[in-house]
Amino acid sequence: MDVVLIRLLFVIIVGVISYLIRPFNLPPNYAAAVGLLTGAGIILFEWRLRVMSLKRLIGAAIGSVLGIIGAYLFALVIRNSIPASPTQSFLQIMVMLVMAYVGLAVGANKGDLLNLAALGGIFGGEKTGKKSYKILDTSVIIDGRIADIAETGFLDGLIVIPQFVLRELQLVADSADSLKRNRGRRGLDILQRLQKTASVQIQIVEDDFPSVREVDMKLIELAKLYEGKILTNDFNLNKVAQLQGVAVLNINELANSLKPIVLPGEIMRVFILKEGKEYNQGVAYLDDGTMVVVDNARKMIGKTIDISVTSVLQTTAGKMIFGKWDERATGRHDIKAVSSPGITVPTPTVPPAVPTTGPPSDPLKKPTPAVADRTVD
């Protein structure tokens, strides 16, 4: 607000000075109008300079100086070639304007190629400070993991939150959809949590780009202005920013890189949660959300088992682990645990033999049937 008042006061002062001096012998009212237009043009030029990087400003200054020097040399040739006349003056002025404009435009366009750190001093410090900016977008704020990363101390530098991101977050929090409203309120809570974190510095900037409508493109322009990095988990913003030469820190890529490395042949202990798509498959999940597909584990749903990793597949959505459960190996493991030292294995009891009277019978002799005594008359 203070900057707007200063600019308005500057335009009024220029208009009053033109009204009193009356340049080009203009009437007072026309002179005041010219002064107001001139002040407005200067303010517009200053606003455009603010959105330019330091490299482009230095490149534009160098290009304009070289253009004026070239225009002076062309003016010498014109003065010696054409007699003094209004045409000569017109050509000299046009050459100066054209060369100065071309030098300004080319220098500003090629200014990004300058290496200010090689100059040392304030330029080296300026570059180091610019590169330490981390600009948050709406998606990474709503995600919430940025607060956990900040609390661990791995996030250094200055955290920049643009005003247009806050406006978008507020619109989401005021949405009629309950899901969007909860997400927006969660994002606001995450910002309060970040402000309470002692290891990071939060700065809310007022820089905006009215000519750019999309928030993602505004973030890219702001990153170019501050020469900072964008913190996001938006896949499309990541690709567009990289195409325009803006560094991006993707939270999803960080999470994928922190997942534990599993090699084929290793033994894992997992909890079979549900049935797989293929026949006799079970599906489990690790703590980080990695899916584990286990063969021969359909009947073990709801149980924790040891599996052998067969392969690991890296996809765009994340990492998938394939394993196999061997029921026979589990059975041998259980038998080994039973016969291990310190465990008494009960011996089966044999019932005692029932004693019999009389001579022992010959096992090879077949019993003869009993024949009834018959009386012969």
Protein backbone atom coordinates (compact mmCIF):
# COMPACT_ATOMS: atom_id res chain seq x y z
CA MET A 1 0.00 0.00 0.00
CA ASP A 2 2.89 2.36 0.76
CA VAL A 3 4.41 1.68 -2.66
CA VAL A 4 1.13 2.62 -4.37
CA LEU A 5 0.97 5.93 -2.48
CA ILE A 6 4.57 6.75 -3.38
CA ARG A 7 3.89 6.05 -7.08
CA LEU A 8 0.75 8.18 -7.05
CA LEU A 9 2.61 11.02 -5.37
CA PHE A 10 5.39 10.78 -7.98
CA VAL A 11 2.90 11.05 -10.87
CA ILE A 12 1.25 14.08 -9.26
CA ILE A 13 4.61 15.81 -8.73
CA VAL A 14 5.62 15.27 -12.36
CA GLY A 15 2.27 16.67 -13.50
CA VAL A 16 2.63 19.78 -11.31
CA ILE A 17 6.19 20.41 -12.54
CA SER A 18 5.03 20.15 -16.17
CA TYR A 19 2.13 22.50 -15.43
CA LEU A 20 4.53 25.13 -14.03
CA ILE A 21 7.32 24.77 -16.62
CA ARG A 22 5.07 24.20 -19.68
CA PRO A 23 7.49 22.28 -21.95
CA PHE A 24 7.27 22.81 -25.72
CA ASN A 25 5.31 26.03 -25.01
CA LEU A 26 2.16 24.00 -24.39
CA PRO A 27 -0.86 25.47 -22.61
CA PRO A 28 -0.88 24.74 -18.85
CA ASN A 29 -3.63 22.11 -19.07
CA TYR A 30 -1.92 20.24 -21.94
CA ALA A 31 1.42 20.50 -20.17
CA ALA A 32 -0.09 18.97 -16.99
CA ALA A 33 -1.61 16.13 -19.04
CA VAL A 34 1.76 15.45 -20.69
CA GLY A 35 3.39 15.43 -17.26
CA LEU A 36 0.85 12.96 -15.88
CA LEU A 37 1.30 10.66 -18.88
CA THR A 38 5.07 10.88 -18.54
CA GLY A 39 4.89 9.99 -14.84
CA ALA A 40 2.59 7.06 -15.57
CA GLY A 41 5.00 5.83 -18.26
CA ILE A 42 7.91 6.02 -15.83
CA ILE A 43 5.92 4.03 -13.22
CA LEU A 44 5.08 1.39 -15.84
CA PHE A 45 8.73 1.18 -16.85
CA GLU A 46 9.76 0.81 -13.18
CA TRP A 47 7.15 -1.94 -12.64
CA ARG A 48 8.51 -3.88 -15.60
CA LEU A 49 12.02 -3.52 -14.24
CA ARG A 50 10.97 -5.04 -10.91
CA VAL A 51 9.88 -8.29 -12.53
CA MET A 52 13.20 -8.63 -14.36
CA SER A 53 16.10 -10.53 -12.88
CA LEU A 54 19.39 -8.86 -12.03
CA LYS A 55 21.10 -10.66 -14.92
CA ARG A 56 18.67 -9.21 -17.45
CA LEU A 57 19.02 -5.71 -16.03
CA ILE A 58 22.80 -5.85 -16.32
CA GLY A 59 22.53 -7.34 -19.81
CA ALA A 60 20.08 -4.61 -20.88
CA ALA A 61 22.35 -1.87 -19.52
CA ILE A 62 25.41 -3.27 -21.31
CA GLY A 63 23.45 -3.74 -24.55
CA SER A 64 22.06 -0.21 -24.49
CA VAL A 65 25.51 1.32 -23.89
CA LEU A 66 26.97 -0.64 -26.79
CA GLY A 67 24.01 0.37 -28.96
CA ILE A 68 24.54 4.08 -28.19
CA ILE A 69 28.25 3.76 -29.03
CA GLY A 70 27.37 2.12 -32.34
CA ALA A 71 24.78 4.84 -33.03
CA TYR A 72 27.40 7.54 -32.44
CA LEU A 73 29.70 5.92 -35.03
CA PHE A 74 26.83 5.70 -37.53
CA ALA A 75 25.99 9.36 -36.84
CA LEU A 76 29.57 10.35 -37.77
CA VAL A 77 29.20 8.57 -41.10
CA ILE A 78 25.82 10.22 -41.74
CA ARG A 79 27.19 13.69 -40.88
CA ASN A 80 30.10 13.29 -43.31
CA SER A 81 27.93 11.80 -46.06
CA ILE A 82 24.82 14.00 -45.99
CA PRO A 83 24.83 17.81 -45.90
CA ALA A 84 23.40 19.52 -42.86
CA SER A 85 19.64 19.43 -43.20
CA PRO A 86 16.54 18.22 -41.37
CA THR A 87 17.04 14.84 -43.09
CA GLN A 88 20.49 14.49 -41.53
CA SER A 89 19.11 15.27 -38.05
CA PHE A 90 16.24 12.84 -38.56
CA LEU A 91 18.56 10.02 -39.64
CA GLN A 92 20.92 10.62 -36.73
CA ILE A 93 18.07 10.53 -34.18
CA MET A 94 16.51 7.44 -35.75
CA VAL A 95 19.84 5.58 -35.80
CA MET A 96 20.42 6.42 -32.14
CA LEU A 97 16.92 5.23 -31.14
CA VAL A 98 17.10 2.05 -33.20
CA MET A 99 20.58 1.08 -31.97
CA ALA A 100 19.74 1.84 -28.34
CA TYR A 101 16.52 -0.20 -28.56
CA VAL A 102 18.19 -3.14 -30.30
CA GLY A 103 21.04 -3.15 -27.79
CA LEU A 104 18.56 -2.99 -24.89
CA ALA A 105 16.41 -5.85 -26.21
CA VAL A 106 19.30 -8.14 -27.18
CA GLY A 107 21.18 -7.46 -23.94
CA ALA A 108 18.12 -8.24 -21.82
CA ASN A 109 17.47 -11.42 -23.79
CA LYS A 110 21.05 -12.67 -23.44
CA GLY A 111 21.46 -11.48 -19.85
CA ASP A 112 20.62 -14.93 -18.46
CA LEU A 113 23.92 -16.18 -19.88
CA LEU A 114 25.91 -13.95 -17.51
CA ASN A 115 27.72 -15.60 -14.61
CA LEU A 116 27.45 -13.07 -11.79
CA ALA A 117 29.12 -15.37 -9.27
CA ALA A 118 32.38 -15.12 -11.21
CA LEU A 119 32.45 -11.37 -10.50
CA GLY A 120 32.44 -12.01 -6.75
CA GLY A 121 31.52 -9.38 -4.18
CA ILE A 122 27.91 -8.35 -3.99
CA PHE A 123 27.05 -10.23 -7.19
CA GLY A 124 28.23 -13.55 -5.77
CA GLY A 125 26.30 -12.94 -2.58
CA GLU A 126 23.23 -11.94 -4.58
CA LYS A 127 23.25 -15.20 -6.48
CA THR A 128 23.71 -17.30 -3.36
CA GLY A 129 20.80 -15.55 -1.66
CA LYS A 130 18.53 -15.96 -4.66
CA LYS A 131 19.19 -19.67 -4.97
CA SER A 132 18.15 -20.29 -1.35
CA TYR A 133 14.49 -19.42 -1.96
CA LYS A 134 11.94 -22.26 -1.82
CA ILE A 135 8.54 -21.35 -3.27
CA LEU A 136 5.52 -23.40 -2.14
CA ASP A 137 2.54 -24.16 -4.33
CA THR A 138 -1.00 -25.02 -3.22
CA SER A 139 -0.76 -28.77 -3.72
CA VAL A 140 2.32 -29.24 -1.53
CA ILE A 141 0.76 -27.16 1.25
CA ILE A 142 -2.43 -29.23 1.25
CA ASP A 143 -0.36 -32.44 1.10
CA GLY A 144 1.10 -31.67 4.52
CA ARG A 145 4.35 -33.63 4.30
CA ILE A 146 6.29 -30.40 3.82
CA ALA A 147 5.77 -29.63 7.53
CA ASP A 148 7.34 -32.95 8.55
CA ILE A 149 10.32 -32.30 6.26
CA ALA A 150 10.76 -28.81 7.69
CA GLU A 151 10.69 -30.08 11.27
CA THR A 152 13.47 -32.56 10.54
CA GLY A 153 15.80 -29.72 9.52
CA PHE A 154 16.45 -30.94 5.97
CA LEU A 155 14.78 -27.85 4.49
CA ASP A 156 17.04 -24.81 4.53
CA GLY A 157 16.82 -21.31 3.13
CA LEU A 158 13.79 -19.04 3.01
CA ILE A 159 10.31 -20.48 2.44
CA VAL A 160 8.36 -18.16 0.11
CA ILE A 161 4.56 -18.27 0.07
CA PRO A 162 3.06 -16.07 -2.68
CA GLN A 163 -0.06 -14.07 -1.97
CA PHE A 164 -1.87 -15.59 -4.96
CA VAL A 165 -1.27 -19.07 -3.52
CA LEU A 166 -2.87 -17.95 -0.25
CA ARG A 167 -5.86 -16.61 -2.20
CA GLU A 168 -6.26 -19.92 -4.00
CA LEU A 169 -5.96 -21.80 -0.71
CA GLN A 170 -8.62 -19.58 0.82
CA LEU A 171 -10.97 -20.23 -2.10
CA VAL A 172 -10.54 -23.96 -1.58
CA ALA A 173 -11.21 -23.58 2.16
CA ASP A 174 -14.42 -21.62 1.41
CA SER A 175 -15.65 -24.12 -1.18
CA ALA A 176 -19.18 -25.54 -0.94
CA ASP A 177 -17.79 -29.06 -1.40
CA SER A 178 -17.02 -30.54 2.01
CA LEU A 179 -14.02 -32.49 0.70
CA LYS A 180 -12.41 -29.41 -0.85
CA ARG A 181 -13.24 -27.36 2.21
CA ASN A 182 -11.50 -29.83 4.51
CA ARG A 183 -8.46 -29.90 2.24
CA GLY A 184 -8.25 -26.11 2.24
CA ARG A 185 -8.53 -25.89 6.01
CA ARG A 186 -5.87 -28.53 6.36
CA GLY A 187 -3.58 -26.43 4.16
CA LEU A 188 -4.12 -23.41 6.40
CA ASP A 189 -3.28 -25.54 9.45
CA ILE A 190 -0.09 -26.71 7.74
CA LEU A 191 0.94 -23.08 7.15
CA GLN A 192 0.44 -22.30 10.84
CA ARG A 193 2.53 -25.34 11.68
CA LEU A 194 5.29 -24.14 9.37
CA GLN A 195 5.29 -20.70 10.97
CA LYS A 196 5.82 -22.31 14.37
CA THR A 197 8.80 -24.33 13.13
CA ALA A 198 11.97 -22.68 14.37
CA SER A 199 14.30 -24.17 11.76
CA VAL A 200 12.68 -22.40 8.75
CA GLN A 201 11.87 -18.81 7.85
CA ILE A 202 8.52 -18.02 6.23
CA GLN A 203 8.03 -15.00 3.99
CA ILE A 204 4.75 -14.02 2.30
CA VAL A 205 5.44 -12.01 -0.87
CA GLU A 206 3.06 -9.65 -2.65
CA ASP A 207 4.58 -10.15 -6.12
CA ASP A 208 1.92 -10.87 -8.69
CA PHE A 209 1.76 -11.12 -12.47
CA PRO A 210 -1.58 -9.71 -13.68
CA SER A 211 -0.87 -10.62 -17.29
CA VAL A 212 -0.60 -14.32 -16.31
CA ARG A 213 -3.86 -16.01 -15.34
CA GLU A 214 -2.79 -19.55 -14.37
CA VAL A 215 -1.36 -19.99 -10.88
CA ASP A 216 1.21 -22.51 -12.11
CA MET A 217 2.61 -20.04 -14.64
CA LYS A 218 2.71 -17.35 -11.94
CA LEU A 219 4.78 -19.68 -9.77
CA ILE A 220 7.21 -20.22 -12.64
CA GLU A 221 7.55 -16.48 -13.25
CA LEU A 222 8.06 -15.88 -9.52
CA ALA A 223 10.75 -18.57 -9.42
CA LYS A 224 12.51 -16.87 -12.33
CA LEU A 225 12.29 -13.52 -10.54
CA TYR A 226 13.76 -14.83 -7.29
CA GLU A 227 15.94 -17.46 -8.98
CA GLY A 228 14.53 -19.96 -6.50
CA LYS A 229 13.09 -23.46 -6.56
CA ILE A 230 9.47 -24.57 -6.58
CA LEU A 231 8.34 -27.08 -3.96
CA THR A 232 5.46 -29.13 -5.33
CA ASN A 233 4.00 -32.59 -5.82
CA ASP A 234 2.14 -31.65 -9.03
CA PHE A 235 3.44 -33.76 -11.90
CA ASN A 236 2.36 -31.33 -14.64
CA LEU A 237 3.84 -28.29 -12.90
CA ASN A 238 7.06 -30.24 -12.45
CA LYS A 239 7.38 -30.92 -16.19
CA VAL A 240 6.40 -27.40 -17.33
CA ALA A 241 8.83 -25.76 -14.88
CA GLN A 242 11.68 -28.00 -15.99
CA LEU A 243 10.99 -27.12 -19.63
CA GLN A 244 11.36 -23.43 -18.75
CA GLY A 245 14.59 -23.97 -16.83
CA VAL A 246 13.16 -23.60 -13.31
CA ALA A 247 14.43 -25.96 -10.61
CA VAL A 248 11.74 -28.07 -8.93
CA LEU A 249 11.77 -30.05 -5.68
CA ASN A 250 9.12 -32.76 -5.96
CA ILE A 251 7.90 -34.24 -2.67
CA ASN A 252 6.74 -37.45 -4.37
CA GLU A 253 10.18 -38.04 -5.86
CA LEU A 254 11.70 -37.52 -2.42
CA ALA A 255 9.31 -40.07 -0.91
CA ASN A 256 10.13 -42.62 -3.63
CA SER A 257 13.86 -42.18 -3.09
CA LEU A 258 13.46 -42.83 0.65
CA LYS A 259 11.68 -46.16 0.20
CA PRO A 260 13.71 -49.16 1.41
CA ILE A 261 15.68 -51.06 -1.21
CA VAL A 262 14.62 -54.70 -1.58
CA LEU A 263 16.63 -57.18 -3.60
CA PRO A 264 15.39 -60.45 -5.14
CA GLY A 265 15.97 -63.39 -2.84
CA GLU A 266 15.53 -61.49 0.40
CA ILE A 267 13.05 -62.65 3.03
CA MET A 268 10.30 -60.23 4.05
CA ARG A 269 7.61 -60.47 6.68
CA VAL A 270 4.31 -59.04 5.47
CA PHE A 271 0.64 -59.06 6.41
CA ILE A 272 -1.60 -60.42 3.65
CA LEU A 273 -4.47 -57.95 3.41
CA LYS A 274 -6.56 -59.01 0.43
CA GLU A 275 -6.78 -61.23 -2.62
CA GLY A 276 -4.77 -60.47 -5.74
CA LYS A 277 -5.97 -60.20 -9.33
CA GLU A 278 -4.33 -63.41 -10.49
CA TYR A 279 -5.11 -66.93 -9.29
CA ASN A 280 -3.97 -67.80 -5.77
CA GLN A 281 -2.35 -64.39 -5.16
CA GLY A 282 -2.34 -62.31 -2.00
CA VAL A 283 -1.65 -58.60 -1.67
CA ALA A 284 0.18 -56.87 1.18
CA TYR A 285 1.34 -53.29 1.76
CA LEU A 286 4.46 -51.94 3.41
CA ASP A 287 4.44 -49.03 5.85
CA ASP A 288 5.26 -46.56 3.04
CA GLY A 289 2.38 -47.79 0.87
CA THR A 290 4.41 -50.04 -1.45
CA MET A 291 2.30 -52.89 -2.83
CA VAL A 292 3.58 -56.44 -2.36
CA VAL A 293 2.06 -59.16 -4.57
CA VAL A 294 2.59 -62.66 -3.15
CA ASP A 295 2.02 -65.91 -5.06
CA ASN A 296 0.39 -68.90 -3.33
CA ALA A 297 -0.80 -66.68 -0.47
CA ARG A 298 -4.51 -66.44 -1.12
CA LYS A 299 -5.42 -68.72 1.78
CA MET A 300 -3.20 -66.70 4.14
CA ILE A 301 -5.37 -63.53 4.01
CA GLY A 302 -5.44 -61.91 7.43
CA LYS A 303 -2.16 -63.53 8.54
CA THR A 304 1.49 -62.46 8.75
CA ILE A 305 3.88 -64.66 6.78
CA ASP A 306 7.48 -64.70 5.58
CA ILE A 307 7.90 -64.43 1.81
CA SER A 308 10.81 -64.59 -0.60
CA VAL A 309 11.19 -61.61 -2.94
CA THR A 310 11.27 -62.65 -6.60
CA SER A 311 11.39 -59.28 -8.41
CA VAL A 312 10.97 -55.52 -7.94
CA LEU A 313 9.16 -53.37 -10.52
CA GLN A 314 9.57 -49.57 -10.64
CA THR A 315 6.61 -47.80 -12.27
CA THR A 316 5.51 -44.17 -12.64
CA ALA A 317 3.03 -44.67 -9.81
CA GLY A 318 5.66 -46.09 -7.48
CA LYS A 319 7.39 -49.37 -6.68
CA MET A 320 5.84 -52.85 -6.71
CA ILE A 321 7.38 -55.91 -5.06
CA PHE A 322 6.62 -59.47 -6.16
CA GLY A 323 7.21 -62.37 -3.83
CA LYS A 324 6.36 -66.01 -3.26
CA TRP A 325 5.20 -67.88 -0.19
CA ASP A 326 6.46 -71.45 0.14
CA GLU A 327 4.20 -73.49 2.38
CA ARG A 328 6.68 -76.40 2.54
CA ALA A 329 9.46 -74.12 3.69
CA THR A 330 7.14 -72.82 6.41
CA GLY A 331 6.37 -76.39 7.50
CA ARG A 332 10.08 -77.30 7.72
CA HIS A 333 10.65 -74.12 9.68
CA ASP A 334 7.98 -75.14 12.18
CA ILE A 335 9.48 -78.65 12.59
CA LYS A 336 12.92 -77.17 13.16
CA ALA A 337 11.49 -74.87 15.80
CA VAL A 338 9.91 -77.86 17.60
CA SER A 339 13.13 -79.90 17.67
CA SER A 340 15.29 -77.05 18.81
CA PRO A 341 17.06 -77.20 22.22
CA GLY A 342 15.08 -76.26 25.26
CA ILE A 343 11.81 -77.74 23.97
CA THR A 344 10.70 -81.14 25.29
CA VAL A 345 8.98 -83.26 22.72
CA PRO A 346 6.44 -85.58 24.36
CA THR A 347 6.89 -89.29 23.55
CA PRO A 348 3.81 -91.26 22.65
CA THR A 349 2.60 -93.76 25.35
CA VAL A 350 1.92 -97.40 24.40
CA PRO A 351 -0.90 -99.12 26.26
CA PRO A 352 0.27 -102.21 28.30
CA ALA A 353 -0.38 -105.71 26.95
CA VAL A 354 -3.21 -107.70 28.52
CA PRO A 355 -1.87 -110.93 30.17
CA THR A 356 -3.34 -114.27 28.95
CA THR A 357 -3.46 -117.71 30.61
CA GLY A 358 -2.39 -120.97 29.08
CA PRO A 359 0.49 -121.86 26.84
CA PRO A 360 1.58 -119.33 24.36
CA SER A 361 -0.03 -119.80 21.07
CA ASP A 362 1.95 -120.37 17.97
CA PRO A 363 1.39 -117.39 15.70
CA LEU A 364 1.88 -119.55 12.60
CA LYS A 365 -0.65 -122.15 13.67
CA LYS A 366 -4.15 -121.56 12.43
CA PRO A 367 -6.89 -122.02 14.97
CA THR A 368 -9.11 -125.07 14.42
CA PRO A 369 -12.80 -124.74 14.82
CA ALA A 370 -14.34 -126.55 17.78
CA VAL A 371 -16.12 -129.78 16.86
CA ALA A 372 -19.08 -130.96 19.01
CA ASP A 373 -18.84 -134.46 20.53
CA ARG A 374 -21.14 -136.86 18.82
CA THR A 375 -22.46 -140.09 20.49
CA VAL A 376 -22.44 -143.12 18.28
CA ASP A 377 -25.15 -145.48 18.93
